[in-house]
Amino acid sequence: MNNKGVASAIDIAMYSMIIIIAMAFMQVYAVTHQSTDVKELKAKAEEEYAANTLLTLSYLTNKEADYSTVQSQAVENTPDVTLEPIVNAGDSLRNYSRDLDKKLENWSKNVTAAHDEIKAVIGEAMDNVSAVKEDIDTQQVGLSVELKNAKDNCNDYVTNINTFAELIGGEQLTGDPCSGISDTESYVSNATKDIDESLVKVNDTLYQIKDSVDTNLEKVGDLIQDVRCVLKEVDVKTDRFVTYAQLGVKENTTLIDIWPAKANLGTKTVTETIGEALYTEDRLAKSGELQAAGAFGARIALQEAGYELSDSKSKIAQGLILSIEREDYRNLAKKGVNASLIKQLSDQGYSYCFTAKTCCSVIQEGNCVIPYNSVKAKTNIKTNENETVEMTISIWRK
């Protein structure tokens, strides 16, 4: 028993020494390593916080993204014999650009395998681009003439406009709604110039592809992507160009119908709005009280000039006034992003840089001069055309 007691005492002493040595070691280790460990834990927590911030955008609705616009049931696409060549030219350009984009997409999957086809059709592609460019240039002149006629008719009866302001509010509207038609005419001219410049870029890049296909297939792959991005620009610009040649106000539309209503994207999540914005770009029209009064004033003016309500020129003249302004859909997406990230990050003491991008389009918000001590999270979503959108966010303490 005595031996057992001595052995137990020795065991306890040895165990105590081991604990003391272990505690001493851990204390020394903690002192020398705690800075690194805390930083790593903090960075890990912030990475998770950044990832959760991106995830939250998929659940929050975009209540901040709203705009004023005419009610959808008030407008329609209106065919007009005079303007039909413009619409046809726009449709031809859009159809050709989309067909060319599909061909380029197939080439990009395997540039080596597409070598012979590229050589065989690249010259024809360049000729076709030149042809649709010439067609758009020709038709722009006709659209400008129609815009001038619409402005003249509106100016002749501008005093009628405030009559309708009295009906809905009792106060006279200031400003000249008819001046917006001149703005539209200038815009259409500039839009045509923009389309021209984009098509020149398309042909220049196609020429570089032709020049490089036998010597540098890696470069050809990059150039193909460049052309596809420019074709997306052409698509958006052409949509805007054609809108002014066919947007009309329905003949049975009342002033109440065209009076701007508050529209919002409150039913969509922030993430959905971002995906749509990277496809939609700035196709979204908006309208205001002045445009509504101007459109109805133009209707009365044209009626007194002998035009029926069903006449396409009357419908289009009203539509032109209503669609003078555009709201960039990306701005609406940015509003939603900002509203969410201010609450989740700025109000919690963080700075951030948010980026959502496809191969050709980017939405970016925040302070994007990113310091070394930031952490980053990333996720992917899809656009309406099933393109991949890469969303990233970097955050750091202010």
Protein backbone atom coordinates (compact mmCIF):
# COMPACT_ATOMS: atom_id res chain seq x y z
CA MET A 1 0.00 0.00 0.00
CA ASN A 2 2.88 2.32 0.91
CA ASN A 3 4.51 1.65 -2.48
CA LYS A 4 1.23 2.30 -4.18
CA GLY A 5 0.88 5.56 -2.32
CA VAL A 6 4.36 6.67 -3.33
CA ALA A 7 3.61 5.71 -6.93
CA SER A 8 0.37 7.69 -6.89
CA ALA A 9 2.13 10.71 -5.46
CA ILE A 10 4.77 10.49 -8.16
CA ASP A 11 2.08 10.09 -10.85
CA ILE A 12 0.25 13.16 -9.58
CA ALA A 13 3.48 15.16 -9.45
CA MET A 14 4.42 14.13 -13.00
CA TYR A 15 0.92 14.90 -14.27
CA SER A 16 1.01 18.31 -12.62
CA MET A 17 4.39 19.04 -14.19
CA ILE A 18 3.07 18.06 -17.61
CA ILE A 19 0.08 20.40 -17.20
CA ILE A 20 2.32 23.24 -16.00
CA ILE A 21 4.72 22.73 -18.92
CA ALA A 22 1.82 22.51 -21.38
CA MET A 23 0.21 25.68 -20.01
CA ALA A 24 3.53 27.48 -20.18
CA PHE A 25 3.97 26.34 -23.77
CA MET A 26 0.45 27.45 -24.70
CA GLN A 27 0.96 30.81 -23.04
CA VAL A 28 4.20 31.41 -24.94
CA TYR A 29 2.53 30.17 -28.18
CA ALA A 30 -0.46 32.41 -27.63
CA VAL A 31 1.71 35.46 -27.02
CA THR A 32 3.79 34.84 -30.13
CA HIS A 33 0.93 33.72 -32.41
CA GLN A 34 -2.23 35.38 -31.19
CA SER A 35 -1.94 38.30 -33.65
CA THR A 36 -1.82 35.94 -36.63
CA ASP A 37 -4.61 33.69 -35.32
CA VAL A 38 -6.94 36.60 -34.58
CA LYS A 39 -6.32 38.07 -37.99
CA GLU A 40 -7.02 34.76 -39.68
CA LEU A 41 -10.22 34.25 -37.70
CA LYS A 42 -11.30 37.82 -38.40
CA ALA A 43 -10.58 37.46 -42.13
CA LYS A 44 -12.50 34.17 -42.22
CA ALA A 45 -15.49 35.76 -40.50
CA GLU A 46 -15.42 38.72 -42.87
CA GLU A 47 -15.22 36.42 -45.89
CA GLU A 48 -18.36 34.66 -44.68
CA TYR A 49 -20.00 38.02 -44.06
CA ALA A 50 -19.15 39.14 -47.60
CA ALA A 51 -20.51 35.88 -49.05
CA ASN A 52 -23.72 36.26 -47.04
CA THR A 53 -24.06 39.84 -48.27
CA LEU A 54 -24.08 38.62 -51.88
CA LEU A 55 -26.54 35.88 -50.96
CA THR A 56 -28.86 38.41 -49.32
CA LEU A 57 -29.18 40.29 -52.64
CA SER A 58 -31.05 37.24 -53.95
CA TYR A 59 -33.76 37.69 -51.29
CA LEU A 60 -34.15 41.45 -50.95
CA THR A 61 -36.63 43.13 -53.30
CA ASN A 62 -35.53 46.17 -55.27
CA LYS A 63 -37.85 48.75 -53.68
CA GLU A 64 -35.51 51.64 -54.49
CA ALA A 65 -35.73 51.07 -58.25
CA ASP A 66 -38.71 53.02 -59.54
CA TYR A 67 -39.41 55.46 -62.34
CA SER A 68 -42.30 57.36 -63.92
CA THR A 69 -43.68 56.06 -67.18
CA VAL A 70 -46.77 55.97 -69.34
CA GLN A 71 -49.16 53.12 -68.64
CA SER A 72 -48.38 50.16 -70.86
CA GLN A 73 -51.91 49.77 -72.22
CA ALA A 74 -51.71 53.26 -73.76
CA VAL A 75 -49.03 52.55 -76.38
CA GLU A 76 -48.47 50.12 -79.23
CA ASN A 77 -46.23 49.47 -82.21
CA THR A 78 -47.78 51.39 -85.07
CA PRO A 79 -47.04 50.60 -88.74
CA ASP A 80 -46.68 53.55 -91.10
CA VAL A 81 -46.00 53.37 -94.83
CA THR A 82 -43.60 56.31 -94.74
CA LEU A 83 -41.63 54.95 -91.83
CA GLU A 84 -41.81 51.27 -92.77
CA PRO A 85 -38.38 51.31 -94.51
CA ILE A 86 -36.82 52.55 -91.24
CA VAL A 87 -38.35 49.72 -89.25
CA ASN A 88 -37.34 47.21 -91.90
CA ALA A 89 -33.77 48.53 -91.95
CA GLY A 90 -33.61 48.25 -88.15
CA ASP A 91 -35.03 44.73 -88.22
CA SER A 92 -32.53 43.71 -90.89
CA LEU A 93 -29.66 45.05 -88.82
CA ARG A 94 -30.85 43.33 -85.64
CA ASN A 95 -31.46 40.03 -87.40
CA TYR A 96 -28.08 40.13 -89.12
CA SER A 97 -26.18 41.11 -85.97
CA ARG A 98 -27.79 38.23 -84.04
CA ASP A 99 -27.08 35.73 -86.83
CA LEU A 100 -23.48 36.90 -86.99
CA ASP A 101 -23.20 36.64 -83.21
CA LYS A 102 -24.36 33.00 -83.31
CA LYS A 103 -21.76 32.21 -85.96
CA LEU A 104 -19.06 33.93 -83.88
CA GLU A 105 -20.16 32.02 -80.79
CA ASN A 106 -19.73 28.72 -82.66
CA TRP A 107 -16.28 29.78 -83.87
CA SER A 108 -15.23 30.76 -80.35
CA LYS A 109 -15.88 27.23 -79.05
CA ASN A 110 -13.09 25.84 -81.22
CA VAL A 111 -11.20 28.39 -83.25
CA THR A 112 -8.86 25.77 -84.70
CA ALA A 113 -11.72 23.66 -86.06
CA ALA A 114 -13.43 26.79 -87.43
CA HIS A 115 -10.30 27.97 -89.31
CA ASP A 116 -11.46 26.99 -92.80
CA GLU A 117 -14.99 28.33 -92.30
CA ILE A 118 -13.66 31.64 -91.00
CA LYS A 119 -11.48 32.04 -94.07
CA ALA A 120 -14.39 31.14 -96.37
CA VAL A 121 -17.06 33.52 -95.00
CA ILE A 122 -15.25 36.41 -93.30
CA GLY A 123 -15.19 38.55 -96.45
CA GLU A 124 -18.92 38.07 -97.01
CA ALA A 125 -19.59 38.99 -93.39
CA MET A 126 -17.71 42.27 -93.82
CA ASP A 127 -19.69 43.08 -96.99
CA ASN A 128 -22.99 42.40 -95.20
CA VAL A 129 -22.07 44.69 -92.31
CA SER A 130 -21.31 47.47 -94.79
CA ALA A 131 -24.66 46.91 -96.51
CA VAL A 132 -26.79 47.16 -93.36
CA LYS A 133 -24.80 50.22 -92.28
CA GLU A 134 -25.62 51.96 -95.56
CA ASP A 135 -29.30 51.05 -95.22
CA ILE A 136 -29.55 52.54 -91.72
CA ASP A 137 -27.81 55.74 -92.86
CA THR A 138 -30.31 56.15 -95.72
CA GLN A 139 -33.38 55.62 -93.54
CA GLN A 140 -32.24 58.01 -90.81
CA VAL A 141 -32.89 60.90 -93.20
CA GLY A 142 -36.53 59.87 -93.58
CA LEU A 143 -37.04 59.62 -89.84
CA SER A 144 -35.59 63.10 -89.32
CA VAL A 145 -38.11 64.52 -91.82
CA GLU A 146 -41.01 62.92 -89.91
CA LEU A 147 -39.70 64.32 -86.63
CA LYS A 148 -39.56 67.83 -88.11
CA ASN A 149 -43.16 67.50 -89.31
CA ALA A 150 -44.26 66.36 -85.85
CA LYS A 151 -42.56 69.37 -84.25
CA ASP A 152 -44.20 71.79 -86.68
CA ASN A 153 -47.65 70.39 -85.96
CA CYS A 154 -47.05 70.50 -82.22
CA ASN A 155 -45.77 74.08 -82.29
CA ASP A 156 -48.80 75.26 -84.31
CA TYR A 157 -51.09 74.36 -81.44
CA VAL A 158 -48.89 74.64 -78.37
CA THR A 159 -51.49 76.79 -76.59
CA ASN A 160 -53.78 73.76 -76.38
CA ILE A 161 -51.38 71.96 -74.08
CA ASN A 162 -52.12 73.89 -70.90
CA THR A 163 -55.84 73.42 -71.47
CA PHE A 164 -55.35 69.79 -70.57
CA ALA A 165 -53.15 70.67 -67.61
CA GLU A 166 -56.15 72.52 -66.15
CA LEU A 167 -58.31 69.40 -66.50
CA ILE A 168 -56.08 67.30 -64.30
CA GLY A 169 -54.53 69.73 -61.85
CA GLY A 170 -55.65 73.30 -62.34
CA GLU A 171 -52.07 74.56 -62.63
CA GLN A 172 -50.36 75.59 -65.82
CA LEU A 173 -47.32 73.58 -66.85
CA THR A 174 -44.20 75.57 -67.61
CA GLY A 175 -41.86 74.73 -70.43
CA ASP A 176 -42.38 73.72 -74.04
CA PRO A 177 -43.13 70.02 -74.59
CA CYS A 178 -42.67 70.46 -78.33
CA SER A 179 -39.01 71.26 -77.81
CA GLY A 180 -38.56 67.64 -76.85
CA ILE A 181 -39.19 66.62 -80.44
CA SER A 182 -36.13 68.60 -81.47
CA ASP A 183 -34.22 66.78 -78.74
CA THR A 184 -35.47 63.51 -80.18
CA GLU A 185 -34.43 64.50 -83.68
CA SER A 186 -30.95 65.26 -82.38
CA TYR A 187 -30.92 62.01 -80.47
CA VAL A 188 -31.93 59.95 -83.51
CA SER A 189 -29.17 61.56 -85.52
CA ASN A 190 -26.67 60.79 -82.77
CA ALA A 191 -28.02 57.24 -82.40
CA THR A 192 -27.43 56.65 -86.10
CA LYS A 193 -23.90 57.99 -85.73
CA ASP A 194 -23.33 55.64 -82.78
CA ILE A 195 -24.58 52.67 -84.81
CA ASP A 196 -22.27 53.69 -87.65
CA GLU A 197 -19.28 53.85 -85.32
CA SER A 198 -20.10 50.44 -83.83
CA LEU A 199 -20.47 48.85 -87.26
CA VAL A 200 -17.13 50.34 -88.34
CA LYS A 201 -15.58 48.71 -85.24
CA VAL A 202 -17.21 45.41 -86.20
CA ASN A 203 -15.71 45.53 -89.69
CA ASP A 204 -12.30 46.63 -88.44
CA THR A 205 -12.20 43.70 -86.02
CA LEU A 206 -13.46 41.25 -88.65
CA TYR A 207 -10.59 42.44 -90.86
CA GLN A 208 -8.13 41.73 -88.01
CA ILE A 209 -9.61 38.23 -87.69
CA LYS A 210 -9.11 37.70 -91.42
CA ASP A 211 -5.53 38.95 -91.13
CA SER A 212 -4.69 36.72 -88.12
CA VAL A 213 -6.52 33.48 -88.89
CA ASP A 214 -3.45 31.85 -90.48
CA THR A 215 -0.90 33.13 -87.98
CA ASN A 216 -2.36 33.59 -84.49
CA LEU A 217 -5.47 31.60 -83.57
CA GLU A 218 -5.24 32.67 -79.91
CA LYS A 219 -5.55 36.30 -80.99
CA VAL A 220 -8.48 35.35 -83.25
CA GLY A 221 -10.31 33.96 -80.19
CA ASP A 222 -9.91 37.29 -78.36
CA LEU A 223 -10.98 39.27 -81.44
CA ILE A 224 -14.11 37.14 -81.83
CA GLN A 225 -15.11 38.07 -78.28
CA ASP A 226 -14.46 41.75 -79.04
CA VAL A 227 -16.78 41.60 -82.07
CA ARG A 228 -19.52 39.92 -80.05
CA CYS A 229 -19.39 42.71 -77.46
CA VAL A 230 -19.70 45.39 -80.13
CA LEU A 231 -22.63 43.53 -81.70
CA LYS A 232 -24.43 43.68 -78.34
CA GLU A 233 -23.95 47.46 -78.39
CA VAL A 234 -25.40 47.57 -81.90
CA ASP A 235 -28.42 45.56 -80.75
CA VAL A 236 -29.27 48.02 -77.97
CA LYS A 237 -28.68 51.09 -80.14
CA THR A 238 -30.81 49.70 -82.97
CA ASP A 239 -33.69 48.96 -80.59
CA ARG A 240 -33.66 52.59 -79.49
CA PHE A 241 -33.44 53.82 -83.08
CA VAL A 242 -36.43 51.76 -84.26
CA THR A 243 -38.55 52.73 -81.23
CA TYR A 244 -38.88 56.27 -82.53
CA ALA A 245 -40.17 55.02 -85.87
CA GLN A 246 -43.01 52.84 -84.60
CA LEU A 247 -44.03 53.68 -81.02
CA GLY A 248 -47.58 55.03 -81.17
CA VAL A 249 -50.37 56.01 -78.78
CA LYS A 250 -53.56 53.97 -79.17
CA GLU A 251 -56.47 55.87 -80.68
CA ASN A 252 -58.81 55.19 -77.74
CA THR A 253 -56.25 56.36 -75.16
CA THR A 254 -57.32 59.11 -72.77
CA LEU A 255 -55.24 61.71 -71.00
CA ILE A 256 -55.48 59.66 -67.82
CA ASP A 257 -54.01 56.66 -69.66
CA ILE A 258 -50.92 58.54 -70.78
CA TRP A 259 -50.44 60.42 -67.52
CA PRO A 260 -47.25 58.98 -65.99
CA ALA A 261 -47.65 56.31 -63.36
CA LYS A 262 -45.05 55.35 -60.80
CA ALA A 263 -43.53 52.05 -61.87
CA ASN A 264 -41.19 50.04 -59.70
CA LEU A 265 -39.28 46.80 -59.63
CA GLY A 266 -40.40 45.98 -56.12
CA THR A 267 -41.47 42.48 -57.08
CA LYS A 268 -37.97 41.62 -58.30
CA THR A 269 -34.96 40.85 -56.15
CA VAL A 270 -31.82 42.96 -56.42
CA THR A 271 -30.03 40.02 -58.04
CA GLU A 272 -32.78 39.57 -60.65
CA THR A 273 -32.62 43.28 -61.48
CA ILE A 274 -28.84 43.08 -61.93
CA GLY A 275 -29.17 40.13 -64.30
CA GLU A 276 -31.82 41.94 -66.35
CA ALA A 277 -29.90 45.22 -66.34
CA LEU A 278 -26.80 43.67 -67.88
CA TYR A 279 -29.01 42.53 -70.77
CA THR A 280 -31.55 45.35 -70.99
CA GLU A 281 -28.99 48.18 -70.78
CA ASP A 282 -30.90 51.47 -71.37
CA ARG A 283 -33.90 50.34 -73.42
CA LEU A 284 -36.29 51.42 -70.68
CA ALA A 285 -38.45 54.45 -71.56
CA LYS A 286 -39.77 56.93 -69.03
CA SER A 287 -42.23 59.79 -69.21
CA GLY A 288 -43.36 62.80 -67.21
CA GLU A 289 -46.27 65.21 -66.83
CA LEU A 290 -44.88 67.58 -69.42
CA GLN A 291 -44.56 64.81 -72.00
CA ALA A 292 -48.11 63.59 -71.27
CA ALA A 293 -49.56 67.06 -71.73
CA GLY A 294 -47.47 67.55 -74.87
CA ALA A 295 -48.61 64.26 -76.37
CA PHE A 296 -52.27 65.08 -75.80
CA GLY A 297 -51.76 68.60 -77.10
CA ALA A 298 -50.21 67.13 -80.26
CA ARG A 299 -53.24 64.86 -80.65
CA ILE A 300 -55.62 67.86 -80.61
CA ALA A 301 -53.34 69.76 -82.95
CA LEU A 302 -53.26 66.92 -85.47
CA GLN A 303 -57.03 66.43 -85.25
CA GLU A 304 -57.57 70.09 -86.05
CA ALA A 305 -55.12 69.68 -88.93
CA GLY A 306 -57.35 66.94 -90.36
CA TYR A 307 -55.69 63.77 -89.03
CA GLU A 308 -57.93 61.02 -87.66
CA LEU A 309 -57.15 59.43 -84.30
CA SER A 310 -56.46 56.19 -86.14
CA ASP A 311 -53.89 57.82 -88.43
CA SER A 312 -50.45 56.34 -87.87
CA LYS A 313 -48.68 59.72 -88.08
CA SER A 314 -50.88 61.07 -85.30
CA LYS A 315 -50.18 58.02 -83.13
CA ILE A 316 -46.43 58.15 -83.75
CA ALA A 317 -46.19 61.91 -83.16
CA GLN A 318 -47.75 61.41 -79.73
CA GLY A 319 -45.53 58.41 -79.05
CA LEU A 320 -42.43 60.40 -79.95
CA ILE A 321 -43.22 63.02 -77.34
CA LEU A 322 -43.90 60.39 -74.69
CA SER A 323 -40.64 58.51 -75.32
CA ILE A 324 -38.22 61.41 -75.44
CA GLU A 325 -36.51 60.29 -72.23
CA ARG A 326 -34.83 57.01 -71.38
CA GLU A 327 -34.00 55.54 -68.00
CA ASP A 328 -30.87 53.45 -67.91
CA TYR A 329 -32.00 50.16 -66.38
CA ARG A 330 -28.55 49.80 -64.86
CA ASN A 331 -29.20 52.89 -62.75
CA LEU A 332 -32.26 51.17 -61.32
CA ALA A 333 -30.17 48.11 -60.50
CA LYS A 334 -27.54 50.31 -58.85
CA LYS A 335 -30.18 51.94 -56.65
CA GLY A 336 -31.19 48.54 -55.36
CA VAL A 337 -27.56 47.50 -54.79
CA ASN A 338 -26.79 50.71 -52.92
CA ALA A 339 -29.87 50.53 -50.71
CA SER A 340 -29.00 46.98 -49.69
CA LEU A 341 -25.26 47.41 -49.22
CA ILE A 342 -25.56 50.64 -47.23
CA LYS A 343 -27.66 48.79 -44.65
CA GLN A 344 -25.59 45.62 -44.66
CA LEU A 345 -22.12 47.14 -44.89
CA SER A 346 -21.78 50.94 -44.66
CA ASP A 347 -24.02 51.19 -41.58
CA GLN A 348 -22.02 48.35 -39.98
CA GLY A 349 -18.70 50.13 -40.45
CA TYR A 350 -17.53 48.52 -43.71
CA SER A 351 -16.38 49.95 -47.02
CA TYR A 352 -17.00 47.88 -50.12
CA CYS A 353 -16.51 47.45 -53.85
CA PHE A 354 -19.32 45.61 -55.66
CA THR A 355 -18.96 44.43 -59.28
CA ALA A 356 -21.35 42.49 -61.52
CA LYS A 357 -20.10 41.79 -65.03
CA THR A 358 -20.59 39.71 -68.13
CA CYS A 359 -18.03 39.50 -70.89
CA CYS A 360 -19.28 42.79 -72.31
CA SER A 361 -21.07 44.80 -69.61
CA VAL A 362 -20.30 45.93 -66.06
CA ILE A 363 -22.18 47.33 -63.07
CA GLN A 364 -19.91 48.63 -60.32
CA GLU A 365 -20.69 50.40 -57.05
CA GLY A 366 -18.79 51.47 -53.94
CA ASN A 367 -15.19 52.45 -53.32
CA CYS A 368 -13.22 50.35 -55.76
CA VAL A 369 -9.77 51.48 -54.65
CA ILE A 370 -9.41 48.22 -52.74
CA PRO A 371 -6.85 48.03 -49.87
CA TYR A 372 -4.62 45.02 -49.17
CA ASN A 373 -6.54 44.06 -46.01
CA SER A 374 -9.85 43.51 -47.81
CA VAL A 375 -11.62 40.17 -48.14
CA LYS A 376 -13.52 39.01 -51.20
CA ALA A 377 -16.54 36.85 -52.06
CA LYS A 378 -17.82 35.76 -55.45
CA THR A 379 -20.90 34.13 -56.99
CA ASN A 380 -22.45 33.64 -60.45
CA ILE A 381 -25.96 34.36 -61.76
CA LYS A 382 -27.58 34.33 -65.22
CA THR A 383 -28.96 37.10 -67.46
CA ASN A 384 -32.16 36.87 -69.53
CA GLU A 385 -30.07 35.51 -72.41
CA ASN A 386 -28.47 32.90 -70.14
CA GLU A 387 -25.12 34.66 -70.05
CA THR A 388 -23.06 34.17 -66.91
CA VAL A 389 -22.80 37.17 -64.61
CA GLU A 390 -19.91 37.15 -62.15
CA MET A 391 -20.79 39.06 -58.98
CA THR A 392 -17.95 39.91 -56.60
CA ILE A 393 -17.72 42.00 -53.48
CA SER A 394 -14.65 43.14 -51.54
CA ILE A 395 -15.17 44.50 -48.01
CA TRP A 396 -12.92 46.03 -45.37
CA ARG A 397 -13.29 48.00 -42.16
CA LYS A 398 -13.45 51.76 -42.63
